[in-house]
Protein backbone atom coordinates (compact mmCIF):
# COMPACT_ATOMS: atom_id res chain seq x y z
CA MET A 1 -0.16 0.22 0.16
CA GLY A 2 0.92 3.36 -0.98
CA VAL A 3 -0.49 7.09 -0.57
CA THR A 4 -1.33 8.01 -3.84
CA LEU A 5 -2.10 11.43 -5.18
CA LEU A 6 -5.33 11.95 -7.97
CA GLY A 7 -6.03 14.16 -10.12
CA VAL A 8 -2.61 14.85 -12.09
CA SER A 9 -3.05 12.81 -15.62
CA GLY A 10 0.43 11.46 -17.04
CA VAL A 11 2.17 11.38 -13.90
CA SER A 12 2.69 9.11 -11.41
CA ALA A 13 2.36 9.99 -7.72
CA ASP A 14 5.92 8.89 -6.43
CA ASP A 15 7.61 10.96 -9.76
CA LEU A 16 5.14 13.94 -9.12
CA CYS A 17 6.72 13.44 -5.28
CA SER A 18 9.83 13.52 -5.78
CA LYS A 19 10.64 15.98 -8.50
CA ILE A 20 8.23 19.05 -6.24
CA PHE A 21 9.27 18.11 -2.55
CA ASN A 22 12.53 16.05 -3.49
CA ALA A 23 10.35 13.20 -1.16
CA VAL A 24 10.98 9.33 -1.61
CA PRO A 25 7.82 7.10 -1.54
CA ILE A 26 7.94 4.97 1.82
CA PRO A 27 5.95 1.45 2.04
CA PHE A 28 3.59 1.07 4.35
CA LYS A 29 1.40 -0.91 6.25
CA LEU A 30 -2.11 0.02 8.05
CA HIS A 31 -2.48 -2.27 10.81
CA ASN A 32 -5.31 -1.53 14.01
CA GLY A 33 -5.36 2.23 12.46
CA GLY A 34 -1.55 2.67 13.01
CA ILE A 35 1.11 3.16 10.10
CA VAL A 36 3.31 0.10 10.39
CA ILE A 37 7.14 0.69 8.39
CA SER A 38 9.68 -1.80 7.67
CA VAL A 39 13.01 -0.41 9.23
CA GLN A 40 16.33 -2.11 9.29
CA ILE A 41 18.71 -1.55 12.27
CA ASN A 42 22.35 -1.11 12.03
CA ASP A 43 22.03 -3.51 8.23
CA TYR A 44 20.98 -6.38 10.45
CA VAL A 45 19.38 -8.62 7.33
CA ARG A 46 16.05 -8.92 8.77
CA PRO A 47 13.86 -5.82 9.01
CA LEU A 48 11.40 -5.03 12.03
CA ASN A 49 8.27 -3.84 11.97
CA PHE A 50 7.70 0.00 13.60
CA LEU A 51 4.71 1.08 14.26
CA LEU A 52 4.75 5.58 12.99
CA ASP A 53 4.46 8.13 15.64
CA THR A 54 5.07 11.22 14.40
CA GLY A 55 4.75 12.63 17.92
CA ASP A 56 7.51 10.65 19.39
CA GLU A 57 11.27 12.12 19.50
CA LYS A 58 12.30 8.31 20.16
CA THR A 59 12.40 4.99 18.74
CA ILE A 60 10.94 2.33 21.17
CA VAL A 61 12.65 -0.93 20.57
CA ASP A 62 11.83 -3.84 22.08
CA GLU A 63 14.44 -5.17 24.76
CA GLN A 64 14.50 -8.42 23.50
CA ILE A 65 15.32 -7.24 20.00
CA SER A 66 17.79 -4.97 21.38
CA HIS A 67 19.88 -8.14 22.44
CA GLU A 68 19.08 -9.85 19.81
CA PHE A 69 20.58 -6.63 17.58
CA GLY A 70 23.80 -5.93 19.56
CA LEU A 71 22.73 -2.44 20.66
CA PRO A 72 25.45 -1.16 22.86
CA ILE A 73 23.08 -0.22 25.85
CA ASP A 74 22.91 3.50 27.96
CA GLU A 75 22.44 2.86 31.39
CA ARG A 76 20.34 5.88 31.50
CA LYS A 77 16.77 6.06 31.77
CA VAL A 78 14.15 7.43 29.91
CA THR A 79 10.13 7.93 30.66
CA VAL A 80 7.94 6.24 28.30
CA LEU A 81 4.17 7.47 28.16
CA LYS A 82 1.61 4.71 27.37
CA PRO A 83 -2.05 5.80 27.13
CA GLU A 84 -2.70 3.40 30.56
CA ALA A 85 0.35 4.28 32.16
CA GLU A 86 4.10 5.78 32.30
CA ASP A 87 6.94 3.41 32.21
CA SER A 88 10.38 3.38 32.38
CA ALA A 89 12.77 2.10 29.23
CA THR A 90 17.06 2.02 29.35
CA LEU A 91 18.76 3.89 26.15
CA VAL A 92 20.10 2.04 23.56
CA HIS A 93 22.67 3.36 20.76
CA VAL A 94 21.58 2.49 16.63
CA ARG A 95 24.15 3.73 14.38
CA SER A 96 21.74 3.10 11.42
CA LEU A 97 18.16 3.17 10.60
CA ARG A 98 17.55 2.32 7.07
CA LEU A 99 13.84 3.04 6.03
CA GLY A 100 13.18 1.93 2.50
CA SER A 101 15.94 3.64 0.60
CA LEU A 102 16.62 6.59 3.31
CA THR A 103 19.16 6.46 6.51
């Protein structure tokens, strides 16, 4: 699934976006009303599905995934706000994130 612009004849939405906005199309799926994108961490072969949250400044990764990918742990804690409560999380460092052709 992707986003399509209507009313422009002879030009694909991807071409139009890349020419006007220097944009890159990003494939996504809708799941339970959320936008899910496939992201590759630190060039690890297996991509992960992330829920896109445009209002957050941090990327949240499950602790098991951070161990599996060997992400360096920073002992500082951050507060994570959830709809039902607050929680804390440990910071990890990610060398690179790849989203489609973007890094």
